[in-house]
Protein backbone atom coordinates (compact mmCIF):
# COMPACT_ATOMS: atom_id res chain seq x y z
CA MET A 1 7.99 -29.38 8.19
CA THR A 2 5.19 -31.50 6.70
CA GLN A 3 5.38 -34.26 3.95
CA ALA A 4 5.13 -32.62 0.81
CA VAL A 5 3.71 -33.56 -2.37
CA ILE A 6 6.11 -32.02 -5.43
CA THR A 7 5.14 -31.44 -8.63
CA PRO A 8 6.80 -29.91 -11.26
CA VAL A 9 6.21 -25.92 -11.54
CA ARG A 10 7.74 -22.82 -13.42
CA ALA A 11 10.50 -21.18 -10.79
CA ALA A 12 8.49 -17.63 -11.75
CA GLY A 13 5.47 -19.09 -10.55
CA ARG A 14 6.82 -20.41 -6.76
CA VAL A 15 8.30 -16.42 -6.38
CA SER A 16 4.85 -14.75 -7.50
CA ALA A 17 2.68 -17.40 -5.21
CA LEU A 18 5.37 -16.55 -2.32
CA THR A 19 4.73 -13.03 -2.48
CA ARG A 20 1.20 -13.27 -2.27
CA ARG A 21 1.68 -14.68 1.01
CA PRO A 22 1.44 -12.42 4.48
CA LYS A 23 3.38 -14.70 6.82
CA PHE A 24 6.22 -15.03 4.27
CA LEU A 25 6.54 -11.37 3.70
CA LEU A 26 6.30 -10.26 7.35
CA GLY A 27 9.31 -12.76 7.99
CA ALA A 28 11.51 -11.56 4.83
CA GLY A 29 10.70 -7.85 5.82
CA ILE A 30 12.11 -8.96 9.71
CA VAL A 31 14.78 -10.64 8.06
CA ALA A 32 15.76 -8.02 5.66
CA LEU A 33 16.00 -5.47 8.11
CA TYR A 34 18.04 -7.34 10.20
CA ALA A 35 20.43 -8.09 7.30
CA ALA A 36 20.48 -4.39 6.59
CA VAL A 37 21.48 -3.66 10.22
CA ALA A 38 24.14 -6.40 10.39
CA VAL A 39 25.65 -5.01 7.23
CA ILE A 40 25.40 -1.37 8.23
CA GLY A 41 25.33 -0.97 11.71
CA PRO A 42 28.72 -2.50 13.29
CA LEU A 43 30.46 0.85 10.69
CA LEU A 44 28.03 3.32 12.83
CA VAL A 45 28.81 2.12 16.18
CA GLY A 46 32.24 2.45 18.67
CA ASP A 47 34.50 -0.64 19.84
CA PRO A 48 31.94 -3.21 21.36
CA HIS A 49 34.64 -3.77 23.66
CA ALA A 50 35.88 -0.36 24.98
CA THR A 51 35.22 0.28 28.70
CA GLY A 52 34.13 3.25 30.68
CA ASP A 53 33.94 5.09 33.63
CA ASP A 54 30.06 4.22 33.82
CA LEU A 55 29.74 1.05 35.30
CA LEU A 56 26.11 -0.67 34.83
CA ALA A 57 24.38 2.25 33.78
CA GLY A 58 21.19 2.22 32.71
CA PRO A 59 20.06 3.86 29.19
CA SER A 60 21.15 7.14 28.99
CA ALA A 61 21.89 9.53 25.78
CA ALA A 62 25.37 8.42 25.77
CA HIS A 63 24.58 5.10 26.15
CA LEU A 64 21.57 4.00 24.57
CA LEU A 65 21.08 0.86 26.16
CA GLY A 66 23.00 1.31 29.23
CA THR A 67 26.57 -0.22 30.22
CA THR A 68 27.90 -3.00 31.33
CA ASN A 69 29.55 -3.90 34.77
CA ASN A 70 32.89 -3.15 33.00
CA GLY A 71 31.29 -0.08 31.23
CA GLN A 72 31.06 -1.73 27.62
CA ASP A 73 28.49 -0.08 25.68
CA VAL A 74 25.75 -2.40 25.06
CA PHE A 75 23.91 -0.87 22.19
CA ALA A 76 27.30 -1.43 20.41
CA GLN A 77 27.66 -4.77 21.61
CA LEU A 78 24.37 -5.39 20.62
CA ILE A 79 24.89 -3.95 16.50
CA VAL A 80 27.55 -6.28 16.11
CA GLY A 81 25.79 -9.31 17.38
CA PHE A 82 23.45 -8.78 14.64
CA ARG A 83 26.29 -9.47 12.25
CA SER A 84 28.24 -12.34 14.48
CA SER A 85 24.87 -14.38 15.10
CA LEU A 86 23.83 -13.78 11.24
CA LEU A 87 26.68 -14.97 9.87
CA VAL A 88 26.65 -18.19 12.15
CA GLY A 89 23.44 -18.88 10.78
CA LEU A 90 23.85 -18.34 7.25
CA LEU A 91 27.29 -20.27 7.31
CA ALA A 92 25.63 -23.16 9.47
CA GLY A 93 22.68 -23.46 6.96
CA MET A 94 24.84 -23.65 3.87
CA VAL A 95 27.25 -26.30 5.10
CA THR A 96 23.93 -28.15 6.15
CA MET A 97 22.50 -27.85 2.86
CA LEU A 98 25.12 -28.70 1.53
CA LEU A 99 25.80 -32.05 2.69
CA ALA A 100 22.19 -32.80 2.78
CA ALA A 101 21.76 -31.96 -0.73
CA LEU A 102 24.77 -34.12 -1.49
CA VAL A 103 23.66 -37.18 0.72
CA GLY A 104 19.86 -37.10 0.19
CA VAL A 105 19.62 -35.89 -3.78
CA VAL A 106 22.62 -38.08 -5.07
CA GLY A 107 20.81 -41.51 -2.74
CA GLY A 108 17.65 -40.71 -3.58
CA TYR A 109 18.20 -40.60 -7.36
CA ALA A 110 21.40 -43.20 -8.02
CA GLY A 111 19.28 -45.85 -5.71
CA GLY A 112 21.03 -49.40 -4.72
CA TRP A 113 24.12 -49.82 -3.11
CA ALA A 114 24.97 -45.67 -3.12
CA ASP A 115 21.91 -45.44 -1.74
CA GLU A 116 21.87 -47.76 0.99
CA VAL A 117 25.95 -46.28 1.89
CA LEU A 118 24.58 -42.58 1.90
CA ASN A 119 21.46 -43.65 3.83
CA LEU A 120 23.13 -45.71 6.18
CA ILE A 121 25.74 -42.46 7.13
CA GLY A 122 22.77 -40.31 7.55
CA ASN A 123 21.16 -42.87 9.99
CA VAL A 124 24.56 -42.63 12.18
CA PHE A 125 24.19 -39.14 12.34
CA LEU A 126 20.65 -39.24 13.25
CA VAL A 127 21.08 -41.21 16.55
CA ILE A 128 24.06 -39.48 17.51
CA PRO A 129 22.82 -37.35 20.29
CA ALA A 130 23.97 -34.20 18.54
CA LEU A 131 23.99 -31.61 21.85
CA PRO A 132 26.20 -33.84 24.34
CA LEU A 133 28.47 -34.43 20.99
CA ILE A 134 28.62 -30.24 20.09
CA VAL A 135 29.32 -29.47 23.46
CA VAL A 136 32.22 -31.94 24.01
CA ALA A 137 33.44 -30.58 20.67
CA ALA A 138 32.92 -26.80 21.43
CA SER A 139 34.75 -26.96 25.16
CA TYR A 140 37.76 -28.16 23.49
CA LEU A 141 37.60 -25.57 20.18
CA HIS A 142 35.75 -22.73 21.85
CA SER A 143 38.68 -20.51 21.16
CA SER A 144 38.74 -20.96 17.65
CA GLY A 145 35.99 -18.55 16.35
CA ILE A 146 32.34 -18.53 15.48
CA ALA A 147 32.84 -20.15 12.24
CA VAL A 148 33.87 -23.33 13.89
CA ILE A 149 31.00 -23.43 15.99
CA ALA A 150 28.43 -22.71 12.94
CA LEU A 151 30.59 -25.60 11.67
CA LEU A 152 29.87 -27.94 14.75
CA ILE A 153 26.19 -27.63 14.29
CA ALA A 154 26.16 -27.92 10.47
CA VAL A 155 28.31 -31.04 11.20
CA THR A 156 25.77 -32.91 13.75
CA SER A 157 22.59 -31.33 12.18
CA TRP A 158 22.64 -32.15 8.58
CA ALA A 159 20.90 -35.53 8.41
CA ALA A 160 17.31 -34.83 9.18
CA SER A 161 17.47 -32.56 5.94
CA ALA A 162 19.24 -35.29 4.13
CA ARG A 163 16.34 -37.76 4.44
CA VAL A 164 13.92 -35.14 3.53
CA LEU A 165 15.60 -34.49 0.28
CA ARG A 166 16.28 -38.42 0.07
CA ALA A 167 12.70 -38.97 -0.23
CA GLN A 168 11.60 -36.25 -2.47
CA THR A 169 14.22 -36.75 -5.09
CA ALA A 170 13.27 -40.77 -4.67
CA SER A 171 9.80 -39.61 -5.84
CA LEU A 172 10.37 -37.36 -8.34
CA ALA A 173 13.52 -39.62 -10.13
CA HIS A 174 10.15 -41.91 -10.91
CA ARG A 175 8.01 -39.42 -12.24
CA ASP A 176 6.90 -39.96 -16.34
CA TYR A 177 8.96 -36.65 -17.42
CA VAL A 178 11.74 -37.66 -15.41
CA ASP A 179 11.58 -40.97 -17.49
CA ALA A 180 10.84 -39.69 -20.85
CA VAL A 181 14.39 -37.52 -20.49
CA ARG A 182 16.63 -40.70 -18.92
CA ALA A 183 15.47 -42.80 -22.01
CA SER A 184 16.73 -39.96 -24.43
CA GLY A 185 20.12 -40.70 -23.27
CA GLU A 186 20.65 -37.40 -21.06
CA ARG A 187 23.47 -38.08 -18.62
CA ALA A 188 22.62 -38.43 -14.87
CA TRP A 189 23.97 -35.46 -13.94
CA ARG A 190 22.29 -33.39 -15.93
CA ILE A 191 18.87 -35.27 -15.17
CA VAL A 192 19.81 -34.18 -11.38
CA VAL A 193 20.38 -30.72 -12.04
CA VAL A 194 17.87 -29.68 -14.59
CA GLU A 195 14.91 -31.81 -14.15
CA ILE A 196 15.00 -32.62 -10.75
CA LEU A 197 16.68 -29.99 -8.33
CA PRO A 198 14.68 -27.17 -9.68
CA ASN A 199 11.76 -29.13 -8.32
CA LEU A 200 13.51 -29.24 -5.16
CA TYR A 201 14.08 -25.62 -4.45
CA PRO A 202 11.37 -25.14 -2.26
CA ILE A 203 12.11 -27.73 0.08
CA LEU A 204 15.83 -27.00 0.06
CA ILE A 205 15.07 -23.02 1.43
CA SER A 206 12.72 -24.27 3.82
CA GLN A 207 15.38 -26.78 5.47
CA PHE A 208 18.17 -24.07 4.86
CA VAL A 209 15.96 -21.69 6.82
CA PHE A 210 15.11 -24.07 9.55
CA ALA A 211 18.84 -24.88 10.12
CA MET A 212 19.58 -21.38 10.53
CA ILE A 213 17.15 -21.20 13.13
CA GLY A 214 18.80 -24.29 14.82
CA ALA A 215 21.96 -22.51 14.40
CA ILE A 216 21.75 -19.20 16.05
CA LEU A 217 19.49 -20.95 18.82
CA GLY A 218 22.13 -23.16 19.13
CA GLU A 219 25.04 -20.54 18.87
CA ALA A 220 23.50 -18.59 21.32
CA GLY A 221 22.85 -21.87 23.88
CA LEU A 222 26.55 -22.64 23.73
CA SER A 223 27.60 -19.33 24.22
CA PHE A 224 25.11 -18.83 27.03
CA LEU A 225 26.90 -22.17 28.60
CA GLY A 226 30.48 -20.32 28.39
CA LEU A 227 31.09 -23.10 25.59
CA GLY A 228 31.34 -20.94 22.50
CA ASP A 229 34.20 -18.21 21.34
CA LEU A 230 33.32 -15.43 24.13
CA ASN A 231 36.64 -13.30 22.34
CA SER A 232 33.24 -12.55 19.91
CA VAL A 233 30.50 -10.46 20.67
CA THR A 234 27.33 -12.11 19.63
CA TRP A 235 23.84 -12.20 21.54
CA GLY A 236 24.91 -15.41 23.15
CA THR A 237 27.80 -14.25 24.39
CA MET A 238 26.23 -10.81 25.67
CA LEU A 239 23.80 -13.30 27.74
CA PHE A 240 26.34 -15.17 28.92
CA PHE A 241 28.62 -12.05 30.75
CA ALA A 242 25.28 -10.54 31.46
CA GLN A 243 24.42 -13.78 33.83
CA ASN A 244 28.13 -14.01 35.01
CA GLY A 245 27.56 -9.96 35.84
CA GLU A 246 24.09 -11.44 37.99
CA ALA A 247 22.26 -8.52 35.57
CA LEU A 248 19.25 -10.02 36.67
CA SER A 249 20.11 -9.74 40.32
CA GLN A 250 21.30 -6.10 40.23
CA GLY A 251 17.82 -4.91 37.89
CA ALA A 252 20.20 -4.17 34.78
CA TRP A 253 17.19 -5.24 32.41
CA TRP A 254 19.40 -3.43 29.73
CA TRP A 255 22.29 -5.82 29.60
CA PHE A 256 19.80 -9.09 28.55
CA ILE A 257 16.47 -8.55 27.48
CA PRO A 258 17.55 -6.67 24.31
CA PRO A 259 19.70 -9.90 22.60
CA GLY A 260 17.01 -11.79 24.46
CA LEU A 261 14.49 -10.40 22.52
CA CYS A 262 16.51 -9.88 19.00
CA ILE A 263 17.21 -13.78 19.32
CA ALA A 264 13.51 -14.14 19.64
CA VAL A 265 12.19 -11.62 17.16
CA LEU A 266 14.54 -13.49 14.33
CA GLY A 267 13.60 -16.72 15.33
CA ALA A 268 9.96 -16.22 15.01
CA ALA A 269 10.36 -14.84 11.53
CA LEU A 270 12.71 -16.92 10.05
CA THR A 271 9.84 -19.22 11.18
CA LEU A 272 7.30 -17.34 9.17
CA LEU A 273 9.33 -17.52 6.17
CA ASN A 274 9.22 -21.43 6.91
CA ILE A 275 5.73 -21.53 7.12
CA GLY A 276 5.28 -19.65 3.76
CA VAL A 277 7.45 -22.20 1.92
CA ASP A 278 5.99 -24.85 3.51
CA GLU A 279 2.36 -23.70 2.67
CA LEU A 280 3.76 -23.01 -1.30
CA ILE A 281 5.35 -27.42 -1.36
CA ASN A 282 2.00 -28.88 0.84
CA PRO A 283 -1.65 -28.94 -1.23
CA ARG A 284 -2.90 -29.80 2.12
CA LEU A 285 -2.18 -26.64 3.45
CA ARG A 286 -3.63 -24.93 0.68
CA VAL A 287 -6.27 -26.45 0.90
CA GLN A 288 -6.90 -26.65 4.44
CA ARG A 289 -6.40 -22.65 4.17
CA ARG A 290 -8.99 -22.17 1.17
CA GLY A 291 -11.54 -24.29 2.94
CA GLY A 292 -11.50 -21.71 6.03
CA ALA A 293 -11.40 -18.69 3.70
CA GLN A 294 -14.46 -20.28 2.02
CA GLY A 295 -16.46 -21.21 5.83
CA ASP A 296 -15.32 -17.61 7.09
CA ILE A 297 -17.49 -16.17 3.72
CA ARG A 298 -20.48 -18.70 4.85
């Protein structure tokens, strides 16, 4: 995310500005559709683990997206995967932002030794190679459920967001309106909650969306390598079993293309959301867009 310059603005103004951004609206619409399928879809399909006599059969009226080499319905697995993959993204995103906000906002406002200690902790996590650490930990915990995978991803990915929040909090902490509230004798926690956090909401949303993208792609990658929870049905585990079942060499495109496409579309939708929020908090992007529009008119 590009560096932003934040000024105190009303929350209603932010929401109104977001609803006028086509990229944000398109991304939000796709994510809302995914969320609806995740909530309702699993109630309408059969057991994704159930096997049948039709082995590696193509799409048909009985099986809309065909079957696996064990006779499992691919469409049922795909629909259940909506819920599992979104849960991984939501859980990892929330934990990432809680850790990032705790370290970044507290350190940025407090300053002094507290900031030094928290900044040191963040730097340690930044220099630790996340992927090897996740792979090693997941190899020991691969049967513990998708929640553990989400937590592993969150614990290894919060430091970058904390650094962004720390820089913005430190900038806001020295604004005139914050100094005035501080001089009036207001408590530090109230200043952070009432005066600073509301102006960090766009960055928090942007970093949350970014964390979701990383978590969904990370879970899919780990599951594809066989390091996820293979007892859970996610898009990553679908790709893993499709690879093991030699779906590509057997021409069973219906087994691996749908989950891959779902991951790609969701990642693109979340990216559009992130771009929309980034344009809201970054004046340079707004100026560039206005300048481009004026140039087109000329």
